[in-house]
C-alpha atoms as a PDB file:
ATOM      1  CA  MET A   1      14.972  -9.698  21.044  1.00  0.00           C
ATOM      2  CA  GLY A   2      11.991 -10.067  18.718  1.00  0.00           C
ATOM      3  CA  LEU A   3       9.571 -10.124  21.652  1.00  0.00           C
ATOM      4  CA  ILE A   4      11.129  -7.015  23.187  1.00  0.00           C
ATOM      5  CA  ARG A   5      10.917  -5.218  19.850  1.00  0.00           C
ATOM      6  CA  SER A   6       7.283  -6.301  19.503  1.00  0.00           C
ATOM      7  CA  ILE A   7       6.373  -4.935  22.922  1.00  0.00           C
ATOM      8  CA  TRP A   8       8.217  -1.678  22.246  1.00  0.00           C
ATOM      9  CA  THR A   9       6.449  -1.248  18.890  1.00  0.00           C
ATOM     10  CA  VAL A  10       3.029  -1.871  20.429  1.00  0.00           C
ATOM     11  CA  ILE A  11       3.690   0.695  23.174  1.00  0.00           C
ATOM     12  CA  VAL A  12       4.879   3.349  20.725  1.00  0.00           C
ATOM     13  CA  ALA A  13       2.122   2.636  18.194  1.00  0.00           C
ATOM     14  CA  SER A  14      -0.622   2.695  20.844  1.00  0.00           C
ATOM     15  CA  SER A  15       0.559   6.002  22.260  1.00  0.00           C
ATOM     16  CA  VAL A  16       0.889   7.742  18.912  1.00  0.00           C
ATOM     17  CA  LEU A  17      -2.289   6.211  17.487  1.00  0.00           C
ATOM     18  CA  ALA A  18      -4.387   7.204  20.514  1.00  0.00           C
ATOM     19  CA  THR A  19      -3.285  10.816  20.098  1.00  0.00           C
ATOM     20  CA  LEU A  20      -3.412  11.151  16.319  1.00  0.00           C
ATOM     21  CA  GLY A  21      -6.514   9.006  15.950  1.00  0.00           C
ATOM     22  CA  THR A  22      -8.481  11.079  18.429  1.00  0.00           C
ATOM     23  CA  VAL A  23      -7.405  14.304  16.730  1.00  0.00           C
ATOM     24  CA  CYS A  24      -8.432  12.907  13.330  1.00  0.00           C
ATOM     25  CA  ILE A  25     -11.857  11.861  14.587  1.00  0.00           C
ATOM     26  CA  VAL A  26     -12.460  15.250  16.179  1.00  0.00           C
ATOM     27  CA  GLY A  27     -11.066  16.903  13.068  1.00  0.00           C
ATOM     28  CA  ALA A  28     -13.729  15.211  10.961  1.00  0.00           C
ATOM     29  CA  TYR A  29     -16.349  17.215  12.853  1.00  0.00           C
ATOM     30  CA  VAL A  30     -14.541  20.565  12.939  1.00  0.00           C
ATOM     31  CA  GLY A  31     -13.392  20.478   9.325  1.00  0.00           C
ATOM     32  CA  LEU A  32      -9.627  20.030   9.466  1.00  0.00           C
ATOM     33  CA  SER A  33      -8.019  20.208   6.022  1.00  0.00           C
ATOM     34  CA  ARG A  34      -7.288  17.025   4.075  1.00  0.00           C
ATOM     35  CA  SER A  35      -3.568  17.825   4.164  1.00  0.00           C
ATOM     36  CA  PHE A  36      -3.613  17.269   7.928  1.00  0.00           C
ATOM     37  CA  TYR A  37      -4.894  13.716   7.461  1.00  0.00           C
ATOM     38  CA  ASP A  38      -2.260  13.099   4.802  1.00  0.00           C
ATOM     39  CA  TRP A  39       0.444  14.251   7.204  1.00  0.00           C
ATOM     40  CA  THR A  40      -0.797  12.159  10.129  1.00  0.00           C
ATOM     41  CA  GLY A  41      -0.944   9.000   7.987  1.00  0.00           C
ATOM     42  CA  LYS A  42       2.614   9.429   6.787  1.00  0.00           C
ATOM     43  CA  PHE A  43       3.862  10.417  10.231  1.00  0.00           C
ATOM     44  CA  PHE A  44       2.313   7.376  11.882  1.00  0.00           C
ATOM     45  CA  SER A  45       3.766   5.104   9.177  1.00  0.00           C
ATOM     46  CA  HIS A  46       7.253   6.539   9.678  1.00  0.00           C
ATOM     47  CA  VAL A  47       6.870   5.996  13.426  1.00  0.00           C
ATOM     48  CA  MET A  48       5.863   2.354  12.878  1.00  0.00           C
ATOM     49  CA  LEU A  49       8.851   1.703  10.622  1.00  0.00           C
ATOM     50  CA  TRP A  50      11.210   3.405  13.073  1.00  0.00           C
ATOM     51  CA  ALA A  51       9.836   1.695  16.177  1.00  0.00           C
ATOM     52  CA  SER A  52       9.938  -1.744  14.551  1.00  0.00           C
ATOM     53  CA  GLY A  53      13.485  -1.288  13.243  1.00  0.00           C
ATOM     54  CA  THR A  54      12.497  -1.902   9.620  1.00  0.00           C
ATOM     55  CA  PRO A  55      14.217   0.612   7.283  1.00  0.00           C
ATOM     56  CA  VAL A  56      12.829   0.957   3.761  1.00  0.00           C
ATOM     57  CA  THR A  57      14.589   1.346   0.436  1.00  0.00           C
ATOM     58  CA  ALA A  58      12.347   2.598  -2.386  1.00  0.00           C
ATOM     59  CA  ILE A  59      13.239   2.283  -6.064  1.00  0.00           C
ATOM     60  CA  GLY A  60      11.376   3.462  -9.135  1.00  0.00           C
ATOM     61  CA  LEU A  61       9.931   6.569  -7.482  1.00  0.00           C
ATOM     62  CA  GLU A  62      10.062   8.350 -10.838  1.00  0.00           C
ATOM     63  CA  HIS A  63       7.119   6.158 -11.851  1.00  0.00           C
ATOM     64  CA  ILE A  64       4.876   7.828  -9.265  1.00  0.00           C
ATOM     65  CA  ASP A  65       3.178  10.721 -11.045  1.00  0.00           C
ATOM     66  CA  ARG A  66       2.983  13.683  -8.684  1.00  0.00           C
ATOM     67  CA  ASP A  67       0.550  15.594 -10.889  1.00  0.00           C
ATOM     68  CA  ASP A  68      -2.043  13.086 -12.110  1.00  0.00           C
ATOM     69  CA  PRO A  69      -4.037  10.288 -10.424  1.00  0.00           C
ATOM     70  CA  GLN A  70      -2.839   6.668 -10.478  1.00  0.00           C
ATOM     71  CA  VAL A  71      -3.588   3.279  -8.961  1.00  0.00           C
ATOM     72  CA  VAL A  72      -0.685   1.615  -7.145  1.00  0.00           C
ATOM     73  CA  ALA A  73      -1.246  -2.162  -7.220  1.00  0.00           C
ATOM     74  CA  CYS A  74       0.972  -3.940  -4.692  1.00  0.00           C
ATOM     75  CA  ASN A  75       1.501  -7.487  -3.420  1.00  0.00           C
ATOM     76  CA  HIS A  76       0.458  -8.093   0.176  1.00  0.00           C
ATOM     77  CA  GLN A  77       2.690 -10.011   2.593  1.00  0.00           C
ATOM     78  CA  SER A  78       2.171  -8.242   5.910  1.00  0.00           C
ATOM     79  CA  MET A  79       0.624  -5.256   7.676  1.00  0.00           C
ATOM     80  CA  TRP A  80       4.044  -3.668   7.220  1.00  0.00           C
ATOM     81  CA  ASP A  81       3.197  -3.261   3.516  1.00  0.00           C
ATOM     82  CA  VAL A  82       0.718  -0.558   4.548  1.00  0.00           C
ATOM     83  CA  TRP A  83       3.235   1.434   6.583  1.00  0.00           C
ATOM     84  CA  THR A  84       5.833   1.023   3.823  1.00  0.00           C
ATOM     85  CA  LEU A  85       3.609   2.397   1.075  1.00  0.00           C
ATOM     86  CA  ALA A  86       2.059   5.153   3.193  1.00  0.00           C
ATOM     87  CA  ALA A  87       5.529   6.401   4.144  1.00  0.00           C
ATOM     88  CA  THR A  88       7.009   6.031   0.653  1.00  0.00           C
ATOM     89  CA  VAL A  89       4.447   7.195  -1.924  1.00  0.00           C
ATOM     90  CA  PRO A  90       5.331  10.893  -2.318  1.00  0.00           C
ATOM     91  CA  ARG A  91       1.798  12.248  -2.659  1.00  0.00           C
ATOM     92  CA  ARG A  92      -1.760  12.011  -1.312  1.00  0.00           C
ATOM     93  CA  THR A  93      -2.972   8.418  -1.123  1.00  0.00           C
ATOM     94  CA  HIS A  94      -6.254   6.611  -0.557  1.00  0.00           C
ATOM     95  CA  PHE A  95      -5.979   3.013   0.594  1.00  0.00           C
ATOM     96  CA  VAL A  96      -8.691   0.571  -0.487  1.00  0.00           C
ATOM     97  CA  ALA A  97      -9.069  -2.022   2.288  1.00  0.00           C
ATOM     98  CA  LYS A  98     -11.467  -4.681   3.532  1.00  0.00           C
ATOM     99  CA  LYS A  99     -14.221  -3.422   5.843  1.00  0.00           C
ATOM    100  CA  GLU A 100     -12.888  -5.433   8.816  1.00  0.00           C
ATOM    101  CA  ILE A 101     -10.089  -2.862   9.183  1.00  0.00           C
ATOM    102  CA  ARG A 102     -12.683  -0.302  10.187  1.00  0.00           C
ATOM    103  CA  LYS A 103     -13.403  -2.297  13.356  1.00  0.00           C
ATOM    104  CA  ILE A 104      -9.901  -1.616  14.739  1.00  0.00           C
ATOM    105  CA  PRO A 105     -10.361   0.819  17.659  1.00  0.00           C
ATOM    106  CA  ILE A 106      -9.475   4.440  16.826  1.00  0.00           C
ATOM    107  CA  PHE A 107      -7.415   3.421  13.755  1.00  0.00           C
ATOM    108  CA  GLY A 108     -10.444   2.331  11.734  1.00  0.00           C
ATOM    109  CA  ARG A 109     -12.448   5.479  12.448  1.00  0.00           C
ATOM    110  CA  ALA A 110      -9.447   7.716  11.869  1.00  0.00           C
ATOM    111  CA  ALA A 111      -8.674   6.063   8.530  1.00  0.00           C
ATOM    112  CA  ALA A 112     -12.277   6.505   7.402  1.00  0.00           C
ATOM    113  CA  ALA A 113     -12.149  10.188   8.399  1.00  0.00           C
ATOM    114  CA  ALA A 114      -8.950  10.521   6.371  1.00  0.00           C
ATOM    115  CA  GLY A 115     -10.775   9.373   3.246  1.00  0.00           C
ATOM    116  CA  HIS A 116      -9.603   5.789   2.898  1.00  0.00           C
ATOM    117  CA  VAL A 117     -12.153   3.411   1.372  1.00  0.00           C
ATOM    118  CA  TYR A 118     -13.476   0.179   2.891  1.00  0.00           C
ATOM    119  CA  ILE A 119     -14.889  -2.686   0.823  1.00  0.00           C
ATOM    120  CA  ASP A 120     -17.421  -5.288   1.916  1.00  0.00           C
ATOM    121  CA  ARG A 121     -16.102  -8.308   0.034  1.00  0.00           C
ATOM    122  CA  GLY A 122     -19.122 -10.365   1.096  1.00  0.00           C
ATOM    123  CA  ASN A 123     -21.511  -7.999  -0.669  1.00  0.00           C
ATOM    124  CA  ARG A 124     -20.765  -7.660  -4.375  1.00  0.00           C
ATOM    125  CA  ALA A 125     -23.052  -4.675  -4.961  1.00  0.00           C
ATOM    126  CA  ALA A 126     -21.608  -2.791  -1.981  1.00  0.00           C
ATOM    127  CA  ALA A 127     -18.061  -3.658  -3.069  1.00  0.00           C
ATOM    128  CA  VAL A 128     -18.693  -2.276  -6.562  1.00  0.00           C
ATOM    129  CA  GLN A 129     -20.049   0.964  -5.097  1.00  0.00           C
ATOM    130  CA  SER A 130     -16.979   1.283  -2.839  1.00  0.00           C
ATOM    131  CA  LEU A 131     -14.653   0.817  -5.804  1.00  0.00           C
ATOM    132  CA  LYS A 132     -16.550   3.438  -7.775  1.00  0.00           C
ATOM    133  CA  LEU A 133     -16.209   5.767  -4.778  1.00  0.00           C
ATOM    134  CA  ALA A 134     -12.451   5.159  -4.721  1.00  0.00           C
ATOM    135  CA  GLY A 135     -12.288   5.907  -8.436  1.00  0.00           C
ATOM    136  CA  ARG A 136     -14.143   9.186  -7.972  1.00  0.00           C
ATOM    137  CA  ARG A 137     -11.931  10.203  -5.071  1.00  0.00           C
ATOM    138  CA  ILE A 138      -8.654   9.747  -6.910  1.00  0.00           C
ATOM    139  CA  ARG A 139      -9.999  11.783  -9.843  1.00  0.00           C
ATOM    140  CA  GLU A 140     -11.590  14.528  -7.756  1.00  0.00           C
ATOM    141  CA  ASN A 141      -8.653  14.823  -5.343  1.00  0.00           C
ATOM    142  CA  ASN A 142      -6.000  14.120  -7.977  1.00  0.00           C
ATOM    143  CA  SER A 143      -4.529  11.486  -5.686  1.00  0.00           C
ATOM    144  CA  THR A 144      -3.205   7.934  -5.757  1.00  0.00           C
ATOM    145  CA  ALA A 145      -5.247   4.878  -4.790  1.00  0.00           C
ATOM    146  CA  VAL A 146      -3.286   2.034  -3.175  1.00  0.00           C
ATOM    147  CA  VAL A 147      -4.785  -1.428  -3.658  1.00  0.00           C
ATOM    148  CA  PHE A 148      -3.760  -4.966  -2.754  1.00  0.00           C
ATOM    149  CA  PRO A 149      -5.262  -6.974  -5.649  1.00  0.00           C
ATOM    150  CA  GLU A 150      -4.571 -10.321  -3.951  1.00  0.00           C
ATOM    151  CA  GLY A 151      -7.388  -9.375  -1.586  1.00  0.00           C
ATOM    152  CA  THR A 152      -5.622 -10.512   1.585  1.00  0.00           C
ATOM    153  CA  ARG A 153      -2.157 -11.166   2.954  1.00  0.00           C
ATOM    154  CA  SER A 154      -0.294 -14.095   1.435  1.00  0.00           C
ATOM    155  CA  LEU A 155       0.247 -17.067   3.730  1.00  0.00           C
ATOM    156  CA  THR A 156       3.465 -17.995   1.905  1.00  0.00           C
ATOM    157  CA  GLY A 157       4.928 -14.643   0.870  1.00  0.00           C
ATOM    158  CA  ASP A 158       4.479 -15.590  -2.799  1.00  0.00           C
ATOM    159  CA  LEU A 159       2.272 -13.703  -5.245  1.00  0.00           C
ATOM    160  CA  GLN A 160      -1.343 -14.931  -5.224  1.00  0.00           C
ATOM    161  CA  PRO A 161      -4.098 -14.666  -7.895  1.00  0.00           C
ATOM    162  CA  PHE A 162      -5.660 -11.226  -8.266  1.00  0.00           C
ATOM    163  CA  LYS A 163      -9.207 -10.040  -7.647  1.00  0.00           C
ATOM    164  CA  LYS A 164     -10.883  -8.181 -10.514  1.00  0.00           C
ATOM    165  CA  GLY A 165     -12.259  -5.204  -8.605  1.00  0.00           C
ATOM    166  CA  PRO A 166      -9.172  -2.951  -8.502  1.00  0.00           C
ATOM    167  CA  PHE A 167      -8.652  -3.333 -12.236  1.00  0.00           C
ATOM    168  CA  ILE A 168     -12.259  -2.561 -13.062  1.00  0.00           C
ATOM    169  CA  MET A 169     -11.859   0.546 -10.897  1.00  0.00           C
ATOM    170  CA  ALA A 170      -8.742   1.632 -12.798  1.00  0.00           C
ATOM    171  CA  ILE A 171     -10.401   1.049 -16.179  1.00  0.00           C
ATOM    172  CA  GLU A 172     -13.524   3.008 -15.227  1.00  0.00           C
ATOM    173  CA  ALA A 173     -11.437   5.820 -13.734  1.00  0.00           C
ATOM    174  CA  GLY A 174      -9.183   5.854 -16.796  1.00  0.00           C
ATOM    175  CA  VAL A 175      -5.993   6.063 -14.725  1.00  0.00           C
ATOM    176  CA  PRO A 176      -2.682   4.160 -15.055  1.00  0.00           C
ATOM    177  CA  ILE A 177      -1.799   1.222 -12.821  1.00  0.00           C
ATOM    178  CA  VAL A 178       1.663   1.181 -11.239  1.00  0.00           C
ATOM    179  CA  PRO A 179       2.797  -2.457 -10.683  1.00  0.00           C
ATOM    180  CA  THR A 180       4.478  -2.433  -7.279  1.00  0.00           C
ATOM    181  CA  VAL A 181       6.160  -5.092  -5.166  1.00  0.00           C
ATOM    182  CA  VAL A 182       7.246  -5.045  -1.526  1.00  0.00           C
ATOM    183  CA  ASP A 183       9.709  -7.624  -0.260  1.00  0.00           C
ATOM    184  CA  GLY A 184      10.974  -8.339   3.244  1.00  0.00           C
ATOM    185  CA  THR A 185       7.744  -7.676   5.117  1.00  0.00           C
ATOM    186  CA  PHE A 186       6.612 -11.312   5.185  1.00  0.00           C
ATOM    187  CA  ASP A 187       9.541 -12.272   7.410  1.00  0.00           C
ATOM    188  CA  ILE A 188       8.930  -9.262   9.663  1.00  0.00           C
ATOM    189  CA  LEU A 189       5.387 -10.257  10.583  1.00  0.00           C
ATOM    190  CA  PRO A 190       3.575 -12.874   8.466  1.00  0.00           C
ATOM    191  CA  LYS A 191      -0.174 -13.288   8.597  1.00  0.00           C
ATOM    192  CA  ARG A 192      -1.163 -14.850  11.950  1.00  0.00           C
ATOM    193  CA  GLY A 193       2.275 -13.964  13.350  1.00  0.00           C
ATOM    194  CA  PHE A 194       2.756 -12.178  16.676  1.00  0.00           C
ATOM    195  CA  VAL A 195       6.490 -11.600  17.159  1.00  0.00           C
ATOM    196  CA  LEU A 196       8.365  -9.049  15.051  1.00  0.00           C
ATOM    197  CA  ARG A 197      11.571 -10.044  13.291  1.00  0.00           C
ATOM    198  CA  PRO A 198      13.025  -6.699  12.153  1.00  0.00           C
ATOM    199  CA  GLN A 199      14.813  -6.545   8.807  1.00  0.00           C
ATOM    200  CA  PRO A 200      15.127  -4.114   5.882  1.00  0.00           C
ATOM    201  CA  ILE A 201      12.268  -3.687   3.410  1.00  0.00           C
ATOM    202  CA  THR A 202      12.453  -2.977  -0.306  1.00  0.00           C
ATOM    203  CA  VAL A 203       9.603  -1.482  -2.358  1.00  0.00           C
ATOM    204  CA  TRP A 204       9.827  -1.267  -6.159  1.00  0.00           C
ATOM    205  CA  PHE A 205       7.470   0.916  -8.190  1.00  0.00           C
ATOM    206  CA  GLY A 206       7.354  -0.367 -11.767  1.00  0.00           C
ATOM    207  CA  GLU A 207       6.577   1.398 -15.022  1.00  0.00           C
ATOM    208  CA  PRO A 208       2.879   2.409 -15.173  1.00  0.00           C
ATOM    209  CA  VAL A 209       0.465   0.430 -17.327  1.00  0.00           C
ATOM    210  CA  ASP A 210      -1.860   2.650 -19.376  1.00  0.00           C
ATOM    211  CA  THR A 211      -5.510   1.583 -19.004  1.00  0.00           C
ATOM    212  CA  THR A 212      -7.079   3.943 -21.554  1.00  0.00           C
ATOM    213  CA  ASN A 213      -7.032   1.259 -24.257  1.00  0.00           C
ATOM    214  CA  PHE A 214      -8.749  -1.300 -22.019  1.00  0.00           C
ATOM    215  CA  GLU A 215     -12.507  -1.779 -21.826  1.00  0.00           C
ATOM    216  CA  HIS A 216     -14.500  -3.528 -19.123  1.00  0.00           C
ATOM    217  CA  GLU A 217     -14.399  -6.803 -21.064  1.00  0.00           C
ATOM    218  CA  ASP A 218     -10.589  -6.530 -21.307  1.00  0.00           C
ATOM    219  CA  ARG A 219     -10.088  -6.659 -17.554  1.00  0.00           C
ATOM    220  CA  ASP A 220      -8.718 -10.228 -17.568  1.00  0.00           C
ATOM    221  CA  ALA A 221      -6.005  -9.242 -20.047  1.00  0.00           C
ATOM    222  CA  LEU A 222      -5.082  -6.257 -17.869  1.00  0.00           C
ATOM    223  CA  ILE A 223      -4.955  -8.447 -14.765  1.00  0.00           C
ATOM    224  CA  ALA A 224      -2.707 -10.967 -16.522  1.00  0.00           C
ATOM    225  CA  ARG A 225      -0.350  -8.222 -17.707  1.00  0.00           C
ATOM    226  CA  VAL A 226       0.027  -6.586 -14.302  1.00  0.00           C
ATOM    227  CA  HIS A 227       0.322  -9.927 -12.474  1.00  0.00           C
ATOM    228  CA  ALA A 228       3.058 -11.116 -14.852  1.00  0.00           C
ATOM    229  CA  ARG A 229       5.012  -7.892 -14.415  1.00  0.00           C
ATOM    230  CA  MET A 230       4.774  -7.995 -10.626  1.00  0.00           C
ATOM    231  CA  ALA A 231       5.864 -11.648 -10.596  1.00  0.00           C
ATOM    232  CA  GLU A 232       8.925 -10.689 -12.678  1.00  0.00           C
ATOM    233  CA  MET A 233       9.776  -7.826 -10.338  1.00  0.00           C
ATOM    234  CA  LEU A 234       9.451  -9.990  -7.232  1.00  0.00           C
ATOM    235  CA  ALA A 235      11.652 -12.670  -8.788  1.00  0.00           C
ATOM    236  CA  GLU A 236      14.216  -9.999  -9.669  1.00  0.00           C
ATOM    237  CA  LEU A 237      14.402  -8.803  -6.066  1.00  0.00           C
ATOM    238  CA  ARG A 238      14.827 -12.368  -4.819  1.00  0.00           C
ATOM    239  CA  ALA A 239      17.304 -13.546  -7.464  1.00  0.00           C
ATOM    240  CA  PRO A 240      20.489 -15.098  -5.953  1.00  0.00           C
ATOM    241  CA  ASP A 241      22.677 -12.822  -8.070  1.00  0.00           C
ATOM    242  CA  GLY A 242      20.423  -9.802  -7.622  1.00  0.00           C
ATOM    243  CA  TYR A 243      18.900  -8.455  -4.455  1.00  0.00           C
ATOM    244  CA  ARG A 244      21.164  -8.729  -1.397  1.00  0.00           C
ATOM    245  CA  GLY A 245      19.520  -6.140   0.803  1.00  0.00           C
ATOM    246  CA  PRO A 246      18.882  -2.405   0.407  1.00  0.00           C
ATOM    247  CA  LYS A 247      22.548  -1.428   0.544  1.00  0.00           C
ATOM    248  CA  ARG A 248      23.498  -3.814  -2.272  1.00  0.00           C
ATOM    249  CA  LEU A 249      20.570  -3.459  -4.615  1.00  0.00           C
ATOM    250  CA  ARG A 250      21.521  -3.960  -8.255  1.00  0.00           C
ATOM    251  CA  PRO A 251      21.498  -0.747 -10.291  1.00  0.00           C
ATOM    252  CA  GLU A 252      19.661  -2.378 -13.219  1.00  0.00           C
ATOM    253  CA  PRO A 253      17.348  -1.416 -14.766  1.00  0.00           C
ATOM    254  CA  ALA A 254      19.137   1.900 -15.189  1.00  0.00           C
ATOM    255  CA  ALA A 255      15.921   3.937 -15.184  1.00  0.00           C
ATOM    256  CA  LEU A 256      15.146   3.071 -11.575  1.00  0.00           C
ATOM    257  CA  GLU A 257      15.654   5.704  -8.938  1.00  0.00           C
ATOM    258  CA  GLU A 258      16.839   4.638  -5.490  1.00  0.00           C
ATOM    259  CA  SER A 259      16.085   6.466  -2.271  1.00  0.00           C
ATOM    260  CA  ASN A 260      15.912   5.651   1.414  1.00  0.00           C
ATOM    261  CA  VAL A 261      12.873   6.311   3.606  1.00  0.00           C
END
């Protein structure tokens, strides 16, 4: 069943991506509005979630500011984290990703045309410039930057140490960081996996962390604070007496808002 679902998802994704990607690339030359790119990214993500049979439950959406820029810092278990966040964050987003993603046929070029930022992790100076570019974009476009501070997908599904770059970007941009965790995607398609194992996904947007009181030299303290909060959130979702799947998610804490995507 998993193999059949995998084949079906590849067929659907290839068809939709070939069409939307080509339009996005052409649109970069004819001046299509940014809202079109925002729509295509969300549409493609919804298609991926639908085709793969992986419904998403989002909680804490009230912590996403729809008026001011933010940085959403999320754990990274699978490529399905990208589709989950792109479909769920209710505003314009800019993903910050490693430069290798740009090499993916059509998708990489289309994502670049849509304004997403690529980082060369092997070149520190270039990486810093890319992060500064991301910071400028979220301020100028009043949007949300989505980052995976672990730097790559986890091989175990557990939270890994964080890179410093995304936090330096948030401090320099002077925007809040939203600690965010996604759970369920590791079992769908872990790193180096090939066969889909569909199951529900949960994404939890935590209370934003204000960065205005942090300076460049305080970045380690900010990293430790956000990492600790995300570890707590992930443990909460996986607790034996807590998370049992999207339909049985515990109502605590009371401030969280639940919605289905």
